[in-house]
């Protein structure tokens, strides 16, 4: 966590814990990342990124 209590990540993928991803963080990838309207786009990206990590 950073000093503000937010998780450390790069494009939703944790930089401190392997195979961990975050969703619903404000302004994560877009203005609507923390809403039901926008989190699905972030989830699609995270699913692909985690799949790549698991197949390495």
N, C-alpha and C. Protein backbone atom coordinates (compact mmCIF):
# COMPACT_ATOMS: atom_id res chain seq x y z
N UNK A 1 0.84 -1.18 0.00
CA UNK A 1 0.00 0.00 0.00
C UNK A 1 0.89 1.25 0.00
N UNK A 2 0.39 2.26 -0.68
CA UNK A 2 1.12 3.51 -0.65
C UNK A 2 0.70 4.30 0.60
N UNK A 3 1.30 5.45 0.86
CA UNK A 3 0.94 6.21 2.07
C UNK A 3 -0.54 6.61 2.16
N UNK A 4 -1.22 6.67 1.02
CA UNK A 4 -2.65 7.01 1.01
C UNK A 4 -3.54 5.80 1.21
N UNK A 5 -2.94 4.60 1.38
CA UNK A 5 -3.72 3.39 1.58
C UNK A 5 -4.17 2.71 0.31
N UNK A 6 -3.66 3.16 -0.83
CA UNK A 6 -4.03 2.56 -2.11
C UNK A 6 -3.05 1.45 -2.45
N UNK A 7 -3.53 0.38 -3.10
CA UNK A 7 -2.64 -0.72 -3.46
C UNK A 7 -1.63 -0.29 -4.53
N UNK A 8 -0.46 -0.91 -4.48
CA UNK A 8 0.57 -0.64 -5.47
C UNK A 8 0.32 -1.54 -6.67
N UNK A 9 0.13 -0.93 -7.84
CA UNK A 9 -0.19 -1.69 -9.04
C UNK A 9 0.28 -0.93 -10.27
N UNK A 10 0.39 -1.66 -11.36
CA UNK A 10 0.63 -1.07 -12.66
C UNK A 10 -0.43 -1.65 -13.58
N UNK A 11 -1.31 -0.79 -14.06
CA UNK A 11 -2.44 -1.20 -14.90
C UNK A 11 -3.22 -2.35 -14.26
N UNK A 12 -3.63 -2.17 -13.03
CA UNK A 12 -4.45 -3.09 -12.24
C UNK A 12 -3.72 -4.31 -11.70
N UNK A 13 -2.53 -4.64 -12.17
CA UNK A 13 -1.80 -5.81 -11.72
C UNK A 13 -0.89 -5.40 -10.57
N UNK A 14 -0.98 -6.11 -9.45
CA UNK A 14 -0.20 -5.80 -8.26
C UNK A 14 1.29 -5.83 -8.57
N UNK A 15 2.02 -4.86 -8.03
CA UNK A 15 3.47 -4.84 -8.17
C UNK A 15 4.13 -5.48 -6.95
N UNK A 16 3.34 -5.91 -5.98
CA UNK A 16 3.89 -6.50 -4.76
C UNK A 16 3.50 -7.96 -4.55
N UNK A 17 2.42 -8.41 -5.19
CA UNK A 17 1.94 -9.78 -5.02
C UNK A 17 1.68 -10.41 -6.39
N UNK A 18 2.39 -11.49 -6.72
CA UNK A 18 2.19 -12.14 -8.02
C UNK A 18 0.75 -12.66 -8.17
N UNK A 19 0.24 -12.53 -9.38
CA UNK A 19 -1.08 -13.05 -9.75
C UNK A 19 -2.24 -12.41 -8.99
N UNK A 20 -2.03 -11.19 -8.51
CA UNK A 20 -3.10 -10.45 -7.84
C UNK A 20 -3.42 -9.22 -8.69
N UNK A 21 -4.70 -8.96 -8.87
CA UNK A 21 -5.13 -7.80 -9.64
C UNK A 21 -6.20 -7.05 -8.85
N UNK A 22 -6.35 -5.79 -9.16
CA UNK A 22 -7.31 -4.94 -8.48
C UNK A 22 -8.32 -4.40 -9.49
N UNK A 23 -9.55 -4.26 -9.06
CA UNK A 23 -10.59 -3.65 -9.88
C UNK A 23 -11.37 -2.66 -9.03
N UNK A 24 -11.94 -1.67 -9.69
CA UNK A 24 -12.81 -0.72 -9.01
C UNK A 24 -12.12 0.44 -8.34
N UNK A 25 -10.86 0.67 -8.65
CA UNK A 25 -10.13 1.79 -8.06
C UNK A 25 -10.40 3.04 -8.91
N UNK A 26 -10.67 4.14 -8.26
CA UNK A 26 -10.99 5.38 -8.95
C UNK A 26 -9.88 5.78 -9.92
N UNK A 27 -10.26 6.11 -11.14
CA UNK A 27 -9.35 6.53 -12.22
C UNK A 27 -8.27 5.49 -12.52
N UNK A 28 -8.59 4.24 -12.32
CA UNK A 28 -7.61 3.17 -12.54
C UNK A 28 -7.17 3.13 -14.00
N UNK A 29 -8.09 3.00 -14.90
CA UNK A 29 -7.78 3.04 -16.33
C UNK A 29 -8.59 4.13 -17.02
N UNK A 30 -9.69 4.53 -16.42
CA UNK A 30 -10.53 5.56 -17.01
C UNK A 30 -11.34 6.25 -15.91
N UNK A 31 -12.06 7.28 -16.30
CA UNK A 31 -12.91 8.01 -15.36
C UNK A 31 -13.95 7.11 -14.70
N UNK A 32 -14.42 6.09 -15.43
CA UNK A 32 -15.50 5.24 -14.92
C UNK A 32 -15.00 3.92 -14.32
N UNK A 33 -13.71 3.81 -14.03
CA UNK A 33 -13.16 2.55 -13.51
C UNK A 33 -13.80 2.11 -12.19
N UNK A 34 -14.24 3.03 -11.38
CA UNK A 34 -14.81 2.64 -10.09
C UNK A 34 -16.34 2.58 -10.12
N UNK A 35 -16.90 2.43 -11.31
CA UNK A 35 -18.36 2.32 -11.42
C UNK A 35 -18.73 1.02 -12.15
N UNK A 36 -19.96 0.59 -11.96
CA UNK A 36 -20.44 -0.58 -12.70
C UNK A 36 -20.40 -0.33 -14.20
N UNK A 37 -20.52 0.90 -14.58
CA UNK A 37 -20.51 1.26 -16.00
C UNK A 37 -19.14 1.05 -16.64
N UNK A 38 -18.05 1.16 -15.86
CA UNK A 38 -16.73 1.10 -16.44
C UNK A 38 -15.86 -0.06 -16.01
N UNK A 39 -16.19 -0.70 -14.91
CA UNK A 39 -15.31 -1.74 -14.37
C UNK A 39 -15.21 -2.94 -15.31
N UNK A 40 -16.20 -3.18 -16.14
CA UNK A 40 -16.15 -4.34 -17.05
C UNK A 40 -15.00 -4.22 -18.05
N UNK A 41 -14.69 -3.00 -18.48
CA UNK A 41 -13.55 -2.83 -19.40
C UNK A 41 -12.24 -3.16 -18.69
N UNK A 42 -12.12 -2.72 -17.45
CA UNK A 42 -10.92 -3.03 -16.68
C UNK A 42 -10.82 -4.53 -16.41
N UNK A 43 -11.95 -5.16 -16.13
CA UNK A 43 -11.96 -6.61 -15.85
C UNK A 43 -11.52 -7.39 -17.08
N UNK A 44 -11.93 -6.98 -18.25
CA UNK A 44 -11.52 -7.66 -19.48
C UNK A 44 -10.01 -7.57 -19.65
N UNK A 45 -9.44 -6.39 -19.40
CA UNK A 45 -8.00 -6.21 -19.50
C UNK A 45 -7.28 -7.08 -18.47
N UNK A 46 -7.75 -7.06 -17.22
CA UNK A 46 -7.11 -7.82 -16.14
C UNK A 46 -7.16 -9.32 -16.43
N UNK A 47 -8.27 -9.81 -16.93
CA UNK A 47 -8.38 -11.23 -17.24
C UNK A 47 -7.32 -11.65 -18.26
N UNK A 48 -7.12 -10.84 -19.27
CA UNK A 48 -6.11 -11.14 -20.27
C UNK A 48 -4.70 -11.09 -19.71
N UNK A 49 -4.43 -10.08 -18.88
CA UNK A 49 -3.10 -9.94 -18.28
C UNK A 49 -2.79 -11.10 -17.33
N UNK A 50 -3.77 -11.51 -16.54
CA UNK A 50 -3.55 -12.62 -15.61
C UNK A 50 -3.37 -13.93 -16.39
N UNK A 51 -4.12 -14.09 -17.46
CA UNK A 51 -3.97 -15.30 -18.28
C UNK A 51 -2.55 -15.39 -18.82
N UNK A 52 -2.01 -14.26 -19.28
CA UNK A 52 -0.62 -14.26 -19.76
C UNK A 52 0.35 -14.64 -18.67
N UNK A 53 0.14 -14.14 -17.45
CA UNK A 53 1.03 -14.48 -16.33
C UNK A 53 0.96 -15.97 -16.03
N UNK A 54 -0.21 -16.55 -16.08
CA UNK A 54 -0.38 -17.95 -15.73
C UNK A 54 0.18 -18.89 -16.79
N UNK A 55 0.25 -18.44 -18.03
CA UNK A 55 0.74 -19.32 -19.09
C UNK A 55 2.24 -19.19 -19.30
N UNK A 56 2.90 -18.33 -18.57
CA UNK A 56 4.36 -18.18 -18.68
C UNK A 56 5.06 -19.30 -17.99
